[in-house]
């Protein structure tokens, strides 16, 4: 009985060791850096599937979907206080489709469309009313 309990505890410890992900510290340009120089971080080294970037304050900075190490899919960026700042999508590493930029109060600041990473068509800007 005692050996099986010890074995189960050992197995749980080994499993948790493999699950723990590395923290990657990033500077303001999202380049790898040291923790004391970092503005952001993410966990895990792979850019695959949904990747969440965090402010050093542990609040979410960005949620990005990756495919083949490139952004591909929904993109969300937040203010440090937690409000949505920008929303859109990527295709093969470039901005594609409809994008919106928000003020901290949640109102739309700007909206328009991207095609192959370039702004196209009419972009509307909404000015803040006090």
N, C-alpha and C. Protein backbone atom coordinates (compact mmCIF):
# COMPACT_ATOMS: atom_id res chain seq x y z
N UNK A 1 0.83 -1.20 0.00
CA UNK A 1 0.00 0.00 0.00
C UNK A 1 0.87 1.25 0.00
N UNK A 2 1.88 1.29 0.87
CA UNK A 2 2.74 2.46 0.98
C UNK A 2 3.52 2.69 -0.31
N UNK A 3 3.96 1.62 -0.97
CA UNK A 3 4.71 1.73 -2.22
C UNK A 3 3.83 2.30 -3.33
N UNK A 4 2.57 1.89 -3.38
CA UNK A 4 1.68 2.39 -4.43
C UNK A 4 1.36 3.86 -4.22
N UNK A 5 1.21 4.31 -2.99
CA UNK A 5 0.97 5.73 -2.71
C UNK A 5 2.20 6.55 -3.12
N UNK A 6 3.39 6.05 -2.76
CA UNK A 6 4.62 6.73 -3.15
C UNK A 6 4.75 6.81 -4.66
N UNK A 7 4.43 5.72 -5.34
CA UNK A 7 4.50 5.69 -6.81
C UNK A 7 3.53 6.69 -7.43
N UNK A 8 2.32 6.76 -6.92
CA UNK A 8 1.33 7.71 -7.44
C UNK A 8 1.78 9.16 -7.23
N UNK A 9 2.34 9.46 -6.05
CA UNK A 9 2.86 10.81 -5.80
C UNK A 9 4.01 11.14 -6.73
N UNK A 10 4.90 10.18 -6.93
CA UNK A 10 6.03 10.37 -7.85
C UNK A 10 5.53 10.61 -9.27
N UNK A 11 4.57 9.82 -9.72
CA UNK A 11 4.00 9.96 -11.05
C UNK A 11 3.34 11.33 -11.22
N UNK A 12 2.61 11.78 -10.22
CA UNK A 12 1.97 13.10 -10.28
C UNK A 12 3.01 14.20 -10.38
N UNK A 13 4.08 14.10 -9.61
CA UNK A 13 5.16 15.09 -9.65
C UNK A 13 5.82 15.14 -11.02
N UNK A 14 6.13 14.00 -11.61
CA UNK A 14 6.76 13.94 -12.93
C UNK A 14 5.82 14.52 -13.99
N UNK A 15 4.55 14.20 -13.92
CA UNK A 15 3.57 14.71 -14.88
C UNK A 15 3.47 16.23 -14.78
N UNK A 16 3.42 16.77 -13.58
CA UNK A 16 3.33 18.22 -13.40
C UNK A 16 4.59 18.91 -13.90
N UNK A 17 5.72 18.29 -13.80
CA UNK A 17 6.96 18.87 -14.28
C UNK A 17 6.92 19.06 -15.79
N UNK A 18 6.32 18.12 -16.50
CA UNK A 18 6.23 18.23 -17.95
C UNK A 18 5.17 19.24 -18.38
N UNK A 19 4.14 19.42 -17.58
CA UNK A 19 3.06 20.33 -17.92
C UNK A 19 3.47 21.79 -17.76
N UNK A 20 4.33 22.07 -16.79
CA UNK A 20 4.74 23.44 -16.53
C UNK A 20 5.38 24.03 -17.78
N UNK A 21 4.95 25.23 -18.16
CA UNK A 21 5.44 25.86 -19.38
C UNK A 21 6.43 26.97 -19.05
N UNK A 22 7.35 27.16 -19.96
CA UNK A 22 8.35 28.20 -19.80
C UNK A 22 7.73 29.57 -20.02
N UNK A 23 8.17 30.55 -19.24
CA UNK A 23 7.74 31.93 -19.43
C UNK A 23 8.72 32.60 -20.36
N UNK A 24 8.19 33.22 -21.42
CA UNK A 24 9.01 33.95 -22.39
C UNK A 24 8.76 35.43 -22.15
N UNK A 25 9.81 36.16 -21.75
CA UNK A 25 9.71 37.60 -21.47
C UNK A 25 9.94 38.38 -22.75
N UNK A 26 9.12 39.43 -22.96
CA UNK A 26 9.13 40.19 -24.21
C UNK A 26 9.25 41.68 -23.95
N UNK A 27 9.97 42.38 -24.83
CA UNK A 27 10.08 43.84 -24.71
C UNK A 27 8.89 44.51 -25.39
N UNK A 28 8.91 45.82 -25.51
CA UNK A 28 7.76 46.56 -26.07
C UNK A 28 7.50 46.21 -27.54
N UNK A 29 8.50 45.65 -28.25
CA UNK A 29 8.35 45.23 -29.64
C UNK A 29 8.08 43.73 -29.76
N UNK A 30 7.78 43.08 -28.63
CA UNK A 30 7.51 41.65 -28.53
C UNK A 30 8.70 40.80 -28.95
N UNK A 31 9.90 41.30 -28.70
CA UNK A 31 11.14 40.55 -28.92
C UNK A 31 11.57 39.97 -27.58
N UNK A 32 12.16 38.77 -27.59
CA UNK A 32 12.61 38.14 -26.35
C UNK A 32 13.62 39.01 -25.63
N UNK A 33 13.49 39.07 -24.32
CA UNK A 33 14.39 39.86 -23.49
C UNK A 33 14.46 39.23 -22.10
N UNK A 34 15.15 39.92 -21.21
CA UNK A 34 15.23 39.47 -19.82
C UNK A 34 14.04 39.99 -19.04
N UNK A 35 13.73 39.32 -17.95
CA UNK A 35 12.54 39.67 -17.17
C UNK A 35 12.56 41.12 -16.70
N UNK A 36 13.70 41.61 -16.24
CA UNK A 36 13.75 42.97 -15.72
C UNK A 36 13.59 44.04 -16.79
N UNK A 37 13.76 43.70 -18.06
CA UNK A 37 13.60 44.65 -19.17
C UNK A 37 12.29 44.44 -19.93
N UNK A 38 11.50 43.49 -19.49
CA UNK A 38 10.30 43.10 -20.22
C UNK A 38 9.12 44.02 -19.95
N UNK A 39 8.26 44.14 -20.94
CA UNK A 39 6.97 44.82 -20.81
C UNK A 39 5.83 43.81 -20.81
N UNK A 40 6.06 42.66 -21.47
CA UNK A 40 5.04 41.63 -21.64
C UNK A 40 5.67 40.26 -21.44
N UNK A 41 4.80 39.24 -21.37
CA UNK A 41 5.28 37.86 -21.35
C UNK A 41 4.21 36.94 -21.91
N UNK A 42 4.64 35.73 -22.24
CA UNK A 42 3.71 34.66 -22.63
C UNK A 42 4.27 33.36 -22.07
N UNK A 43 3.43 32.37 -21.96
CA UNK A 43 3.90 31.08 -21.48
C UNK A 43 4.01 30.13 -22.66
N UNK A 44 5.02 29.29 -22.62
CA UNK A 44 5.24 28.34 -23.70
C UNK A 44 6.08 28.95 -24.81
N UNK A 45 6.87 28.12 -25.43
CA UNK A 45 7.76 28.61 -26.48
C UNK A 45 7.15 28.51 -27.87
N UNK A 46 6.15 27.66 -28.04
CA UNK A 46 5.57 27.45 -29.37
C UNK A 46 4.52 28.51 -29.71
N UNK A 47 4.61 29.03 -30.93
CA UNK A 47 3.57 29.91 -31.44
C UNK A 47 2.64 29.05 -32.28
N UNK A 48 1.68 28.42 -31.58
CA UNK A 48 0.78 27.47 -32.21
C UNK A 48 -0.57 27.54 -31.51
N UNK A 49 -1.64 27.59 -32.31
CA UNK A 49 -2.97 27.68 -31.72
C UNK A 49 -3.16 29.05 -31.07
N UNK A 50 -4.01 29.11 -30.06
CA UNK A 50 -4.23 30.38 -29.38
C UNK A 50 -3.05 30.68 -28.45
N UNK A 51 -2.46 31.84 -28.63
CA UNK A 51 -1.36 32.29 -27.79
C UNK A 51 -1.82 33.56 -27.08
N UNK A 52 -1.63 33.59 -25.78
CA UNK A 52 -2.05 34.75 -24.99
C UNK A 52 -0.80 35.45 -24.47
N UNK A 53 -0.73 36.75 -24.75
CA UNK A 53 0.34 37.59 -24.25
C UNK A 53 -0.21 38.38 -23.07
N UNK A 54 0.64 38.61 -22.07
CA UNK A 54 0.21 39.30 -20.86
C UNK A 54 1.07 40.53 -20.60
N UNK A 55 0.46 41.54 -19.99
CA UNK A 55 1.23 42.63 -19.40
C UNK A 55 1.97 42.06 -18.20
N UNK A 56 3.03 42.72 -17.76
CA UNK A 56 3.72 42.25 -16.56
C UNK A 56 2.80 42.23 -15.35
N UNK A 57 1.74 43.03 -15.41
CA UNK A 57 0.76 43.07 -14.33
C UNK A 57 -0.15 41.84 -14.31
N UNK A 58 0.05 40.93 -15.26
CA UNK A 58 -0.70 39.68 -15.42
C UNK A 58 -2.04 39.85 -16.10
N UNK A 59 -2.39 41.06 -16.52
CA UNK A 59 -3.60 41.25 -17.30
C UNK A 59 -3.32 40.87 -18.75
N UNK A 60 -4.34 40.42 -19.45
CA UNK A 60 -4.17 40.00 -20.84
C UNK A 60 -3.88 41.21 -21.73
N UNK A 61 -2.85 41.07 -22.57
CA UNK A 61 -2.48 42.09 -23.54
C UNK A 61 -3.05 41.73 -24.92
N UNK A 62 -2.80 40.52 -25.38
CA UNK A 62 -3.27 40.08 -26.69
C UNK A 62 -3.66 38.61 -26.66
N UNK A 63 -4.64 38.29 -27.50
CA UNK A 63 -5.00 36.91 -27.80
C UNK A 63 -4.87 36.77 -29.31
N UNK A 64 -4.00 35.87 -29.74
CA UNK A 64 -3.72 35.71 -31.16
C UNK A 64 -3.71 34.22 -31.50
N UNK A 65 -4.30 33.86 -32.62
CA UNK A 65 -4.22 32.48 -33.10
C UNK A 65 -3.07 32.38 -34.09
N UNK A 66 -2.28 31.31 -33.96
CA UNK A 66 -1.13 31.10 -34.83
C UNK A 66 -1.26 29.79 -35.59
N UNK A 67 -0.72 29.81 -36.81
CA UNK A 67 -0.60 28.62 -37.63
C UNK A 67 0.74 28.73 -38.35
N UNK A 68 1.58 27.72 -38.24
CA UNK A 68 2.92 27.75 -38.84
C UNK A 68 3.73 28.96 -38.40
N UNK A 69 3.66 29.29 -37.11
CA UNK A 69 4.44 30.39 -36.52
C UNK A 69 4.00 31.78 -37.00
N UNK A 70 2.85 31.89 -37.69
CA UNK A 70 2.34 33.17 -38.17
C UNK A 70 0.94 33.39 -37.63
N UNK A 71 0.59 34.66 -37.34
CA UNK A 71 -0.79 34.93 -36.94
C UNK A 71 -1.76 34.50 -38.04
N UNK A 72 -2.79 33.79 -37.66
CA UNK A 72 -3.78 33.30 -38.63
C UNK A 72 -5.09 33.05 -37.89
N UNK A 73 -5.96 34.03 -37.91
CA UNK A 73 -7.23 33.89 -37.21
C UNK A 73 -7.51 35.12 -36.37
N UNK A 74 -8.38 34.96 -35.41
CA UNK A 74 -8.82 36.09 -34.59
C UNK A 74 -7.67 36.75 -33.83
N UNK A 75 -7.78 38.06 -33.69
CA UNK A 75 -6.80 38.86 -32.97
C UNK A 75 -7.56 39.80 -32.05
N UNK A 76 -7.20 39.81 -30.78
CA UNK A 76 -7.78 40.74 -29.81
C UNK A 76 -6.64 41.38 -29.02
N UNK A 77 -6.73 42.69 -28.85
CA UNK A 77 -5.74 43.40 -28.02
C UNK A 77 -6.49 44.22 -27.00
N UNK A 78 -5.91 44.29 -25.78
CA UNK A 78 -6.59 44.94 -24.66
C UNK A 78 -5.73 46.05 -24.07
N UNK A 79 -6.41 47.03 -23.48
CA UNK A 79 -5.72 48.02 -22.64
C UNK A 79 -5.30 47.31 -21.36
N UNK A 80 -4.31 47.85 -20.67
CA UNK A 80 -3.84 47.21 -19.45
C UNK A 80 -4.95 47.13 -18.40
N UNK A 81 -5.91 48.03 -18.47
CA UNK A 81 -7.02 48.02 -17.53
C UNK A 81 -8.07 46.96 -17.87
N UNK A 82 -7.92 46.27 -19.02
CA UNK A 82 -8.80 45.16 -19.36
C UNK A 82 -9.81 45.41 -20.45
N UNK A 83 -9.99 46.66 -20.86
CA UNK A 83 -10.96 46.95 -21.92
C UNK A 83 -10.38 46.58 -23.28
N UNK A 84 -11.27 46.16 -24.19
CA UNK A 84 -10.86 45.80 -25.54
C UNK A 84 -10.33 47.03 -26.27
N UNK A 85 -9.18 46.90 -26.90
CA UNK A 85 -8.54 48.00 -27.61
C UNK A 85 -8.64 47.83 -29.13
N UNK A 86 -8.48 46.60 -29.61
CA UNK A 86 -8.46 46.36 -31.05
C UNK A 86 -8.93 44.94 -31.34
N UNK A 87 -9.67 44.77 -32.45
CA UNK A 87 -10.17 43.46 -32.81
C UNK A 87 -10.14 43.30 -34.32
N UNK A 88 -9.73 42.13 -34.76
CA UNK A 88 -9.67 41.84 -36.19
C UNK A 88 -9.23 40.41 -36.41
N UNK A 89 -8.66 40.15 -37.59
CA UNK A 89 -8.19 38.80 -37.92
C UNK A 89 -6.96 38.88 -38.81
N UNK A 90 -6.19 37.81 -38.77
CA UNK A 90 -5.02 37.66 -39.61
C UNK A 90 -5.22 36.49 -40.56
N UNK A 91 -4.57 36.56 -41.71
CA UNK A 91 -4.51 35.44 -42.64
C UNK A 91 -3.08 35.36 -43.15
N UNK A 92 -2.43 34.25 -42.94
CA UNK A 92 -1.05 34.03 -43.38
C UNK A 92 -0.10 35.13 -42.90
N UNK A 93 -0.30 35.58 -41.68
CA UNK A 93 0.62 36.54 -41.06
C UNK A 93 0.33 38.00 -41.32
N UNK A 94 -0.71 38.34 -42.07
CA UNK A 94 -1.04 39.75 -42.33
C UNK A 94 -2.50 40.03 -41.97
N UNK A 95 -2.75 41.29 -41.66
CA UNK A 95 -4.12 41.69 -41.31
C UNK A 95 -5.04 41.51 -42.50
N UNK A 96 -6.25 41.01 -42.21
CA UNK A 96 -7.19 40.71 -43.28
C UNK A 96 -8.61 40.92 -42.76
N UNK A 97 -9.45 41.54 -43.58
CA UNK A 97 -10.85 41.69 -43.22
C UNK A 97 -11.12 42.93 -42.37
N UNK A 98 -12.25 42.90 -41.69
CA UNK A 98 -12.72 44.05 -40.90
C UNK A 98 -11.96 44.16 -39.58
N UNK A 99 -11.58 45.38 -39.24
CA UNK A 99 -10.88 45.67 -37.99
C UNK A 99 -11.56 46.84 -37.29
N UNK A 100 -11.52 46.80 -35.98
CA UNK A 100 -12.05 47.90 -35.17
C UNK A 100 -11.06 48.24 -34.08
N UNK A 101 -10.94 49.55 -33.80
CA UNK A 101 -10.11 50.06 -32.72
C UNK A 101 -11.05 50.80 -31.77
N UNK A 102 -10.86 50.58 -30.46
CA UNK A 102 -11.80 51.11 -29.48
C UNK A 102 -11.12 52.08 -28.52
N UNK A 103 -11.93 53.04 -28.03
CA UNK A 103 -11.52 53.86 -26.90
C UNK A 103 -11.64 53.01 -25.63
N UNK A 104 -11.04 53.48 -24.55
CA UNK A 104 -11.14 52.74 -23.27
C UNK A 104 -12.58 52.61 -22.79
N UNK A 105 -13.44 53.56 -23.17
CA UNK A 105 -14.83 53.50 -22.72
C UNK A 105 -15.67 52.50 -23.52
N UNK A 106 -15.05 51.82 -24.49
CA UNK A 106 -15.75 50.80 -25.26
C UNK A 106 -16.33 51.29 -26.57
N UNK A 107 -16.32 52.58 -26.81
CA UNK A 107 -16.85 53.11 -28.06
C UNK A 107 -15.81 52.96 -29.17
N UNK A 108 -16.31 52.79 -30.39
CA UNK A 108 -15.41 52.60 -31.53
C UNK A 108 -14.67 53.89 -31.84
N UNK A 109 -13.35 53.77 -31.98
CA UNK A 109 -12.51 54.91 -32.36
C UNK A 109 -12.29 54.92 -33.86
N UNK A 110 -12.10 53.73 -34.44
CA UNK A 110 -11.82 53.64 -35.87
C UNK A 110 -12.24 52.26 -36.37
N UNK A 111 -12.74 52.21 -37.60
CA UNK A 111 -13.06 50.92 -38.19
C UNK A 111 -12.84 50.97 -39.69
N UNK A 112 -12.46 49.82 -40.23
CA UNK A 112 -12.18 49.73 -41.65
C UNK A 112 -11.80 48.31 -42.02
N UNK A 113 -11.24 48.19 -43.21
CA UNK A 113 -10.94 46.87 -43.76
C UNK A 113 -9.49 46.80 -44.22
N UNK A 114 -8.90 45.60 -44.02
CA UNK A 114 -7.56 45.31 -44.51
C UNK A 114 -7.67 44.25 -45.61
N UNK A 115 -6.79 44.36 -46.60
CA UNK A 115 -6.63 43.34 -47.62
C UNK A 115 -5.13 43.10 -47.79
N UNK A 116 -4.70 41.90 -47.52
CA UNK A 116 -3.29 41.52 -47.62
C UNK A 116 -2.38 42.46 -46.82
N UNK A 117 -2.86 42.87 -45.64
CA UNK A 117 -2.06 43.69 -44.74
C UNK A 117 -2.12 45.19 -45.01
N UNK A 118 -2.85 45.62 -46.01
CA UNK A 118 -2.95 47.04 -46.36
C UNK A 118 -4.37 47.55 -46.09
N UNK A 119 -4.47 48.77 -45.58
CA UNK A 119 -5.78 49.38 -45.41
C UNK A 119 -6.40 49.63 -46.77
N UNK A 120 -7.67 49.25 -46.93
CA UNK A 120 -8.38 49.47 -48.19
C UNK A 120 -9.73 50.10 -47.91
N UNK A 121 -10.26 50.76 -48.93
CA UNK A 121 -11.59 51.35 -48.81
C UNK A 121 -11.63 52.51 -47.84
N UNK A 122 -12.81 52.79 -47.36
CA UNK A 122 -13.03 53.92 -46.46
C UNK A 122 -12.82 53.47 -45.02
N UNK A 123 -11.98 54.20 -44.32
CA UNK A 123 -11.79 53.98 -42.89
C UNK A 123 -12.52 55.10 -42.16
N UNK A 124 -13.35 54.73 -41.22
CA UNK A 124 -14.10 55.74 -40.45
C UNK A 124 -13.43 55.96 -39.11
N UNK A 125 -13.31 57.23 -38.75
CA UNK A 125 -12.77 57.62 -37.45
C UNK A 125 -13.88 58.30 -36.66
N UNK A 126 -14.06 57.88 -35.43
CA UNK A 126 -15.09 58.45 -34.56
C UNK A 126 -14.39 59.19 -33.44
N UNK A 127 -14.72 60.45 -33.29
CA UNK A 127 -14.05 61.27 -32.31
C UNK A 127 -14.78 61.21 -30.97
N UNK A 128 -13.98 61.30 -29.95
CA UNK A 128 -14.48 61.23 -28.58
C UNK A 128 -15.30 62.47 -28.27
N UNK A 129 -16.49 62.28 -27.75
CA UNK A 129 -17.30 63.40 -27.26
C UNK A 129 -17.22 63.41 -25.75
N UNK A 130 -16.83 64.54 -25.18
CA UNK A 130 -16.68 64.61 -23.72
C UNK A 130 -17.99 64.58 -23.04
